[in-house]
PDB file of N, CA and C in Angstrom:
ATOM      1  N   UNK A   1     -17.196  -3.262 -11.683  1.00  0.00           N
ATOM      2  CA  UNK A   1     -16.077  -3.052 -10.776  1.00  0.00           C
ATOM      3  C   UNK A   1     -15.108  -4.223 -10.924  1.00  0.00           C
ATOM      4  N   UNK A   2     -13.800  -3.938 -10.990  1.00  0.00           N
ATOM      5  CA  UNK A   2     -12.830  -5.017 -11.147  1.00  0.00           C
ATOM      6  C   UNK A   2     -12.755  -5.894  -9.912  1.00  0.00           C
ATOM      7  N   UNK A   3     -12.333  -7.134 -10.134  1.00  0.00           N
ATOM      8  CA  UNK A   3     -12.173  -8.105  -9.052  1.00  0.00           C
ATOM      9  C   UNK A   3     -10.827  -7.847  -8.383  1.00  0.00           C
ATOM     10  N   UNK A   4     -10.838  -7.110  -7.269  1.00  0.00           N
ATOM     11  CA  UNK A   4      -9.612  -6.752  -6.573  1.00  0.00           C
ATOM     12  C   UNK A   4      -9.218  -7.852  -5.597  1.00  0.00           C
ATOM     13  N   UNK A   5      -7.946  -8.211  -5.624  1.00  0.00           N
ATOM     14  CA  UNK A   5      -7.412  -9.232  -4.733  1.00  0.00           C
ATOM     15  C   UNK A   5      -6.549  -8.539  -3.695  1.00  0.00           C
ATOM     16  N   UNK A   6      -6.938  -8.639  -2.431  1.00  0.00           N
ATOM     17  CA  UNK A   6      -6.177  -8.031  -1.343  1.00  0.00           C
ATOM     18  C   UNK A   6      -4.966  -8.895  -1.035  1.00  0.00           C
ATOM     19  N   UNK A   7      -3.786  -8.297  -1.057  1.00  0.00           N
ATOM     20  CA  UNK A   7      -2.561  -9.029  -0.765  1.00  0.00           C
ATOM     21  C   UNK A   7      -2.162  -8.924   0.696  1.00  0.00           C
ATOM     22  N   UNK A   8      -2.939  -8.256   1.489  1.00  0.00           N
ATOM     23  CA  UNK A   8      -2.609  -8.068   2.885  1.00  0.00           C
ATOM     24  C   UNK A   8      -1.651  -6.902   3.057  1.00  0.00           C
ATOM     25  N   UNK A   9      -1.543  -6.389   4.246  1.00  0.00           N
ATOM     26  CA  UNK A   9      -0.656  -5.280   4.583  1.00  0.00           C
ATOM     27  C   UNK A   9      -0.925  -4.025   3.763  1.00  0.00           C
ATOM     28  N   UNK A  10      -2.124  -3.885   3.197  1.00  0.00           N
ATOM     29  CA  UNK A  10      -2.491  -2.661   2.508  1.00  0.00           C
ATOM     30  C   UNK A  10      -2.429  -2.686   1.004  1.00  0.00           C
ATOM     31  N   UNK A  11      -2.037  -3.788   0.394  1.00  0.00           N
ATOM     32  CA  UNK A  11      -1.917  -3.847  -1.058  1.00  0.00           C
ATOM     33  C   UNK A  11      -3.045  -4.630  -1.701  1.00  0.00           C
ATOM     34  N   UNK A  12      -3.412  -4.244  -2.918  1.00  0.00           N
ATOM     35  CA  UNK A  12      -4.456  -4.941  -3.674  1.00  0.00           C
ATOM     36  C   UNK A  12      -4.103  -4.869  -5.152  1.00  0.00           C
ATOM     37  N   UNK A  13      -4.493  -5.898  -5.900  1.00  0.00           N
ATOM     38  CA  UNK A  13      -4.258  -5.923  -7.342  1.00  0.00           C
ATOM     39  C   UNK A  13      -5.560  -6.260  -8.051  1.00  0.00           C
ATOM     40  N   UNK A  14      -5.629  -5.899  -9.320  1.00  0.00           N
ATOM     41  CA  UNK A  14      -6.771  -6.234 -10.148  1.00  0.00           C
ATOM     42  C   UNK A  14      -6.545  -7.648 -10.676  1.00  0.00           C
ATOM     43  N   UNK A  15      -7.271  -8.615 -10.152  1.00  0.00           N
ATOM     44  CA  UNK A  15      -7.068 -10.022 -10.495  1.00  0.00           C
ATOM     45  C   UNK A  15      -7.383 -10.312 -11.960  1.00  0.00           C
ATOM     46  N   UNK A  16      -8.201  -9.504 -12.590  1.00  0.00           N
ATOM     47  CA  UNK A  16      -8.568  -9.726 -13.990  1.00  0.00           C
ATOM     48  C   UNK A  16      -7.421  -9.397 -14.946  1.00  0.00           C
ATOM     49  N   UNK A  17      -6.445  -8.638 -14.516  1.00  0.00           N
ATOM     50  CA  UNK A  17      -5.336  -8.209 -15.378  1.00  0.00           C
ATOM     51  C   UNK A  17      -4.078  -9.037 -15.201  1.00  0.00           C
ATOM     52  N   UNK A  18      -4.100 -10.005 -14.282  1.00  0.00           N
ATOM     53  CA  UNK A  18      -2.926 -10.842 -14.031  1.00  0.00           C
ATOM     54  C   UNK A  18      -2.756 -11.839 -15.172  1.00  0.00           C
ATOM     55  N   UNK A  19      -1.541 -11.895 -15.734  1.00  0.00           N
ATOM     56  CA  UNK A  19      -1.260 -12.866 -16.794  1.00  0.00           C
ATOM     57  C   UNK A  19      -0.365 -13.994 -16.308  1.00  0.00           C
ATOM     58  N   UNK A  20       0.479 -13.732 -15.299  1.00  0.00           N
ATOM     59  CA  UNK A  20       1.369 -14.771 -14.786  1.00  0.00           C
ATOM     60  C   UNK A  20       1.803 -14.442 -13.373  1.00  0.00           C
ATOM     61  N   UNK A  21       2.112 -15.501 -12.636  1.00  0.00           N
ATOM     62  CA  UNK A  21       2.700 -15.384 -11.301  1.00  0.00           C
ATOM     63  C   UNK A  21       3.928 -16.284 -11.308  1.00  0.00           C
ATOM     64  N   UNK A  22       5.080 -15.736 -10.933  1.00  0.00           N
ATOM     65  CA  UNK A  22       6.321 -16.494 -10.993  1.00  0.00           C
ATOM     66  C   UNK A  22       7.102 -16.331  -9.697  1.00  0.00           C
ATOM     67  N   UNK A  23       8.002 -17.261  -9.470  1.00  0.00           N
ATOM     68  CA  UNK A  23       8.867 -17.195  -8.305  1.00  0.00           C
ATOM     69  C   UNK A  23       9.896 -16.090  -8.494  1.00  0.00           C
ATOM     70  N   UNK A  24      10.144 -15.328  -7.453  1.00  0.00           N
ATOM     71  CA  UNK A  24      11.120 -14.242  -7.517  1.00  0.00           C
ATOM     72  C   UNK A  24      12.545 -14.781  -7.521  1.00  0.00           C
ATOM     73  N   UNK A  25      12.711 -16.050  -7.211  1.00  0.00           N
ATOM     74  CA  UNK A  25      14.049 -16.654  -7.166  1.00  0.00           C
ATOM     75  C   UNK A  25      14.517 -17.137  -8.534  1.00  0.00           C
ATOM     76  N   UNK A  26      13.643 -17.110  -9.516  1.00  0.00           N
ATOM     77  CA  UNK A  26      13.977 -17.574 -10.857  1.00  0.00           C
ATOM     78  C   UNK A  26      14.920 -16.591 -11.547  1.00  0.00           C
ATOM     79  N   UNK A  27      15.968 -17.100 -12.180  1.00  0.00           N
ATOM     80  CA  UNK A  27      16.909 -16.227 -12.888  1.00  0.00           C
ATOM     81  C   UNK A  27      16.262 -15.463 -14.042  1.00  0.00           C
ATOM     82  N   UNK A  28      15.387 -16.084 -14.859  1.00  0.00           N
ATOM     83  CA  UNK A  28      14.737 -15.304 -15.909  1.00  0.00           C
ATOM     84  C   UNK A  28      13.890 -14.154 -15.359  1.00  0.00           C
ATOM     85  N   UNK A  29      13.259 -14.363 -14.232  1.00  0.00           N
ATOM     86  CA  UNK A  29      12.446 -13.305 -13.623  1.00  0.00           C
ATOM     87  C   UNK A  29      13.349 -12.186 -13.106  1.00  0.00           C
ATOM     88  N   UNK A  30      14.473 -12.554 -12.519  1.00  0.00           N
ATOM     89  CA  UNK A  30      15.418 -11.536 -12.051  1.00  0.00           C
ATOM     90  C   UNK A  30      15.957 -10.704 -13.214  1.00  0.00           C
ATOM     91  N   UNK A  31      16.248 -11.363 -14.337  1.00  0.00           N
ATOM     92  CA  UNK A  31      16.726 -10.627 -15.512  1.00  0.00           C
ATOM     93  C   UNK A  31      15.634  -9.704 -16.054  1.00  0.00           C
ATOM     94  N   UNK A  32      14.391 -10.178 -16.037  1.00  0.00           N
ATOM     95  CA  UNK A  32      13.276  -9.342 -16.478  1.00  0.00           C
ATOM     96  C   UNK A  32      13.169  -8.088 -15.621  1.00  0.00           C
ATOM     97  N   UNK A  33      13.282  -8.235 -14.317  1.00  0.00           N
ATOM     98  CA  UNK A  33      13.176  -7.088 -13.414  1.00  0.00           C
ATOM     99  C   UNK A  33      14.287  -6.075 -13.665  1.00  0.00           C
ATOM    100  N   UNK A  34      15.475  -6.552 -14.036  1.00  0.00           N
ATOM    101  CA  UNK A  34      16.589  -5.636 -14.316  1.00  0.00           C
ATOM    102  C   UNK A  34      16.356  -4.821 -15.581  1.00  0.00           C
ATOM    103  N   UNK A  35      15.592  -5.382 -16.536  1.00  0.00           N
ATOM    104  CA  UNK A  35      15.371  -4.674 -17.803  1.00  0.00           C
ATOM    105  C   UNK A  35      14.205  -3.688 -17.742  1.00  0.00           C
ATOM    106  N   UNK A  36      13.311  -3.846 -16.765  1.00  0.00           N
ATOM    107  CA  UNK A  36      12.141  -2.968 -16.673  1.00  0.00           C
ATOM    108  C   UNK A  36      12.498  -1.620 -16.063  1.00  0.00           C
ATOM    109  N   UNK A  37      11.872  -0.559 -16.552  1.00  0.00           N
ATOM    110  CA  UNK A  37      12.071   0.740 -15.895  1.00  0.00           C
ATOM    111  C   UNK A  37      11.411   0.733 -14.511  1.00  0.00           C
ATOM    112  N   UNK A  38      11.957   1.470 -13.564  1.00  0.00           N
ATOM    113  CA  UNK A  38      11.405   1.474 -12.203  1.00  0.00           C
ATOM    114  C   UNK A  38       9.935   1.881 -12.136  1.00  0.00           C
ATOM    115  N   UNK A  39       9.460   2.653 -13.105  1.00  0.00           N
ATOM    116  CA  UNK A  39       8.062   3.095 -13.093  1.00  0.00           C
ATOM    117  C   UNK A  39       7.097   1.940 -13.345  1.00  0.00           C
ATOM    118  N   UNK A  40       7.571   0.819 -13.877  1.00  0.00           N
ATOM    119  CA  UNK A  40       6.701  -0.322 -14.169  1.00  0.00           C
ATOM    120  C   UNK A  40       6.714  -1.374 -13.070  1.00  0.00           C
ATOM    121  N   UNK A  41       7.491  -1.165 -12.016  1.00  0.00           N
ATOM    122  CA  UNK A  41       7.601  -2.138 -10.933  1.00  0.00           C
ATOM    123  C   UNK A  41       6.895  -1.581  -9.702  1.00  0.00           C
ATOM    124  N   UNK A  42       5.942  -2.337  -9.197  1.00  0.00           N
ATOM    125  CA  UNK A  42       5.186  -1.939  -8.009  1.00  0.00           C
ATOM    126  C   UNK A  42       5.590  -2.858  -6.867  1.00  0.00           C
ATOM    127  N   UNK A  43       6.144  -2.300  -5.816  1.00  0.00           N
ATOM    128  CA  UNK A  43       6.603  -3.088  -4.676  1.00  0.00           C
ATOM    129  C   UNK A  43       5.494  -3.189  -3.641  1.00  0.00           C
ATOM    130  N   UNK A  44       4.918  -4.379  -3.509  1.00  0.00           N
ATOM    131  CA  UNK A  44       3.860  -4.624  -2.522  1.00  0.00           C
ATOM    132  C   UNK A  44       4.340  -5.565  -1.422  1.00  0.00           C
ATOM    133  N   UNK A  45       5.650  -5.591  -1.170  1.00  0.00           N
ATOM    134  CA  UNK A  45       6.197  -6.480  -0.142  1.00  0.00           C
ATOM    135  C   UNK A  45       6.142  -5.856   1.245  1.00  0.00           C
ATOM    136  N   UNK A  46       6.111  -4.526   1.320  1.00  0.00           N
ATOM    137  CA  UNK A  46       6.069  -3.788   2.585  1.00  0.00           C
ATOM    138  C   UNK A  46       7.196  -4.200   3.532  1.00  0.00           C
ATOM    139  N   UNK A  47       8.384  -4.411   2.947  1.00  0.00           N
ATOM    140  CA  UNK A  47       9.562  -4.733   3.743  1.00  0.00           C
ATOM    141  C   UNK A  47       9.771  -6.210   4.009  1.00  0.00           C
ATOM    142  N   UNK A  48       8.830  -7.048   3.659  1.00  0.00           N
ATOM    143  CA  UNK A  48       8.986  -8.479   3.842  1.00  0.00           C
ATOM    144  C   UNK A  48       9.753  -9.061   2.658  1.00  0.00           C
ATOM    145  N   UNK A  49      10.341 -10.242   2.801  1.00  0.00           N
ATOM    146  CA  UNK A  49      11.103 -10.829   1.686  1.00  0.00           C
ATOM    147  C   UNK A  49      10.225 -11.070   0.460  1.00  0.00           C
ATOM    148  N   UNK A  50      10.768 -10.742  -0.692  1.00  0.00           N
ATOM    149  CA  UNK A  50      10.051 -10.934  -1.960  1.00  0.00           C
ATOM    150  C   UNK A  50      10.028 -12.421  -2.292  1.00  0.00           C
ATOM    151  N   UNK A  51       8.823 -12.956  -2.530  1.00  0.00           N
ATOM    152  CA  UNK A  51       8.696 -14.364  -2.859  1.00  0.00           C
ATOM    153  C   UNK A  51       8.128 -14.600  -4.252  1.00  0.00           C
ATOM    154  N   UNK A  52       7.340 -13.661  -4.749  1.00  0.00           N
ATOM    155  CA  UNK A  52       6.743 -13.864  -6.069  1.00  0.00           C
ATOM    156  C   UNK A  52       6.680 -12.549  -6.838  1.00  0.00           C
ATOM    157  N   UNK A  53       6.551 -12.704  -8.148  1.00  0.00           N
ATOM    158  CA  UNK A  53       6.424 -11.578  -9.059  1.00  0.00           C
ATOM    159  C   UNK A  53       5.149 -11.788  -9.851  1.00  0.00           C
ATOM    160  N   UNK A  54       4.300 -10.770  -9.896  1.00  0.00           N
ATOM    161  CA  UNK A  54       3.028 -10.843 -10.608  1.00  0.00           C
ATOM    162  C   UNK A  54       3.148  -9.994 -11.864  1.00  0.00           C
ATOM    163  N   UNK A  55       2.894 -10.601 -13.023  1.00  0.00           N
ATOM    164  CA  UNK A  55       2.964  -9.891 -14.295  1.00  0.00           C
ATOM    165  C   UNK A  55       1.553  -9.567 -14.764  1.00  0.00           C
ATOM    166  N   UNK A  56       1.358  -8.326 -15.215  1.00  0.00           N
ATOM    167  CA  UNK A  56       0.061  -7.867 -15.675  1.00  0.00           C
ATOM    168  C   UNK A  56       0.049  -7.715 -17.186  1.00  0.00           C
ATOM    169  N   UNK A  57      -1.138  -7.665 -17.766  1.00  0.00           N
ATOM    170  CA  UNK A  57      -1.285  -7.577 -19.221  1.00  0.00           C
ATOM    171  C   UNK A  57      -0.862  -6.225 -19.790  1.00  0.00           C
ATOM    172  N   UNK A  58      -0.659  -5.228 -18.953  1.00  0.00           N
ATOM    173  CA  UNK A  58      -0.258  -3.900 -19.435  1.00  0.00           C
ATOM    174  C   UNK A  58       1.247  -3.659 -19.302  1.00  0.00           C
ATOM    175  N   UNK A  59       2.009  -4.691 -18.934  1.00  0.00           N
ATOM    176  CA  UNK A  59       3.458  -4.562 -18.830  1.00  0.00           C
ATOM    177  C   UNK A  59       3.965  -4.234 -17.441  1.00  0.00           C
ATOM    178  N   UNK A  60       3.078  -3.944 -16.516  1.00  0.00           N
ATOM    179  CA  UNK A  60       3.491  -3.673 -15.147  1.00  0.00           C
ATOM    180  C   UNK A  60       3.794  -4.975 -14.424  1.00  0.00           C
ATOM    181  N   UNK A  61       4.602  -4.859 -13.376  1.00  0.00           N
ATOM    182  CA  UNK A  61       5.001  -6.007 -12.575  1.00  0.00           C
ATOM    183  C   UNK A  61       4.839  -5.626 -11.106  1.00  0.00           C
ATOM    184  N   UNK A  62       4.299  -6.537 -10.305  1.00  0.00           N
ATOM    185  CA  UNK A  62       4.158  -6.299  -8.867  1.00  0.00           C
ATOM    186  C   UNK A  62       4.988  -7.321  -8.112  1.00  0.00           C
ATOM    187  N   UNK A  63       5.684  -6.867  -7.091  1.00  0.00           N
ATOM    188  CA  UNK A  63       6.460  -7.747  -6.224  1.00  0.00           C
ATOM    189  C   UNK A  63       5.621  -8.053  -4.999  1.00  0.00           C
ATOM    190  N   UNK A  64       5.588  -9.327  -4.604  1.00  0.00           N
ATOM    191  CA  UNK A  64       4.743  -9.726  -3.481  1.00  0.00           C
ATOM    192  C   UNK A  64       5.524 -10.583  -2.494  1.00  0.00           C
ATOM    193  N   UNK A  65       5.129 -10.502  -1.235  1.00  0.00           N
ATOM    194  CA  UNK A  65       5.732 -11.342  -0.204  1.00  0.00           C
ATOM    195  C   UNK A  65       4.986 -12.669  -0.058  1.00  0.00           C
ATOM    196  N   UNK A  66       3.951 -12.873  -0.837  1.00  0.00           N
ATOM    197  CA  UNK A  66       3.216 -14.141  -0.851  1.00  0.00           C
ATOM    198  C   UNK A  66       3.883 -15.099  -1.827  1.00  0.00           C
ATOM    199  N   UNK A  67       3.761 -16.403  -1.586  1.00  0.00           N
ATOM    200  CA  UNK A  67       4.359 -17.385  -2.485  1.00  0.00           C
ATOM    201  C   UNK A  67       3.531 -17.494  -3.765  1.00  0.00           C
ATOM    202  N   UNK A  68       4.146 -17.936  -4.863  1.00  0.00           N
ATOM    203  CA  UNK A  68       3.384 -18.118  -6.099  1.00  0.00           C
ATOM    204  C   UNK A  68       2.230 -19.114  -5.935  1.00  0.00           C
ATOM    205  N   UNK A  69       2.437 -20.125  -5.109  1.00  0.00           N
ATOM    206  CA  UNK A  69       1.381 -21.108  -4.880  1.00  0.00           C
ATOM    207  C   UNK A  69       0.175 -20.489  -4.193  1.00  0.00           C
ATOM    208  N   UNK A  70       0.415 -19.630  -3.189  1.00  0.00           N
ATOM    209  CA  UNK A  70      -0.682 -18.955  -2.491  1.00  0.00           C
ATOM    210  C   UNK A  70      -1.458 -18.061  -3.457  1.00  0.00           C
ATOM    211  N   UNK A  71      -0.734 -17.310  -4.260  1.00  0.00           N
ATOM    212  CA  UNK A  71      -1.391 -16.402  -5.201  1.00  0.00           C
ATOM    213  C   UNK A  71      -2.182 -17.171  -6.255  1.00  0.00           C
ATOM    214  N   UNK A  72      -1.604 -18.244  -6.798  1.00  0.00           N
ATOM    215  CA  UNK A  72      -2.300 -19.031  -7.822  1.00  0.00           C
ATOM    216  C   UNK A  72      -3.563 -19.662  -7.249  1.00  0.00           C
ATOM    217  N   UNK A  73      -3.485 -20.143  -6.007  1.00  0.00           N
ATOM    218  CA  UNK A  73      -4.660 -20.767  -5.389  1.00  0.00           C
ATOM    219  C   UNK A  73      -5.795 -19.755  -5.230  1.00  0.00           C
ATOM    220  N   UNK A  74      -5.481 -18.549  -4.822  1.00  0.00           N
ATOM    221  CA  UNK A  74      -6.516 -17.543  -4.601  1.00  0.00           C
ATOM    222  C   UNK A  74      -7.021 -16.976  -5.929  1.00  0.00           C
ATOM    223  N   UNK A  75      -6.142 -16.837  -6.912  1.00  0.00           N
ATOM    224  CA  UNK A  75      -6.571 -16.325  -8.213  1.00  0.00           C
ATOM    225  C   UNK A  75      -7.516 -17.284  -8.931  1.00  0.00           C
ATOM    226  N   UNK A  76      -7.381 -18.577  -8.675  1.00  0.00           N
ATOM    227  CA  UNK A  76      -8.201 -19.574  -9.367  1.00  0.00           C
ATOM    228  C   UNK A  76      -9.234 -20.231  -8.462  1.00  0.00           C
ATOM    229  N   UNK A  77      -9.596 -19.553  -7.407  1.00  0.00           N
ATOM    230  CA  UNK A  77     -10.594 -20.120  -6.498  1.00  0.00           C
ATOM    231  C   UNK A  77     -11.997 -20.000  -7.082  1.00  0.00           C
ATOM    232  N   UNK A  78     -12.851 -20.897  -6.644  1.00  0.00           N
ATOM    233  CA  UNK A  78     -14.261 -20.829  -7.043  1.00  0.00           C
ATOM    234  C   UNK A  78     -14.981 -19.851  -6.118  1.00  0.00           C
ATOM    235  N   UNK A  79     -16.136 -19.401  -6.545  1.00  0.00           N
ATOM    236  CA  UNK A  79     -16.908 -18.429  -5.759  1.00  0.00           C
ATOM    237  C   UNK A  79     -17.333 -18.983  -4.399  1.00  0.00           C
ATOM    238  N   UNK A  80     -17.564 -20.293  -4.305  1.00  0.00           N
ATOM    239  CA  UNK A  80     -18.051 -20.866  -3.046  1.00  0.00           C
ATOM    240  C   UNK A  80     -16.916 -21.235  -2.089  1.00  0.00           C
ATOM    241  N   UNK A  81     -15.660 -21.090  -2.499  1.00  0.00           N
ATOM    242  CA  UNK A  81     -14.543 -21.412  -1.629  1.00  0.00           C
ATOM    243  C   UNK A  81     -14.264 -20.267  -0.664  1.00  0.00           C
ATOM    244  N   UNK A  82     -13.845 -20.637   0.535  1.00  0.00           N
ATOM    245  CA  UNK A  82     -13.470 -19.626   1.520  1.00  0.00           C
ATOM    246  C   UNK A  82     -12.069 -19.122   1.217  1.00  0.00           C
ATOM    247  N   UNK A  83     -11.845 -17.873   1.476  1.00  0.00           N
ATOM    248  CA  UNK A  83     -10.540 -17.254   1.247  1.00  0.00           C
ATOM    249  C   UNK A  83      -9.824 -17.200   2.583  1.00  0.00           C
ATOM    250  N   UNK A  84      -8.491 -17.479   2.609  1.00  0.00           N
ATOM    251  CA  UNK A  84      -7.769 -17.378   3.870  1.00  0.00           C
ATOM    252  C   UNK A  84      -7.960 -16.001   4.508  1.00  0.00           C
ATOM    253  N   UNK A  85      -7.867 -15.923   5.832  1.00  0.00           N
ATOM    254  CA  UNK A  85      -8.165 -14.668   6.527  1.00  0.00           C
ATOM    255  C   UNK A  85      -7.285 -13.501   6.109  1.00  0.00           C
ATOM    256  N   UNK A  86      -6.065 -13.709   5.680  1.00  0.00           N
ATOM    257  CA  UNK A  86      -5.197 -12.603   5.316  1.00  0.00           C
ATOM    258  C   UNK A  86      -5.455 -12.097   3.916  1.00  0.00           C
ATOM    259  N   UNK A  87      -6.371 -12.683   3.179  1.00  0.00           N
ATOM    260  CA  UNK A  87      -6.710 -12.166   1.852  1.00  0.00           C
ATOM    261  C   UNK A  87      -7.806 -11.174   2.057  1.00  0.00           C
TER     262      UNK A  87
END
């Protein structure tokens, strides 16, 4: 079973397929989003401000309301570390 990471508010991603997490405020990331077809963009913000963009190994991109720092910390946590309550 894949290692699913709960993003809160009903969204989850497969943590094993994540290749990068970037700030949504970055100009290169904004240009990337403009070039992608809408079918490859998954909006997991649920109406909250977009703070990060998650890139997957299959070319899909997920938009998240979590900061890149929060996502990176949870993606690289050890098994014995506690996860924040909203994860």
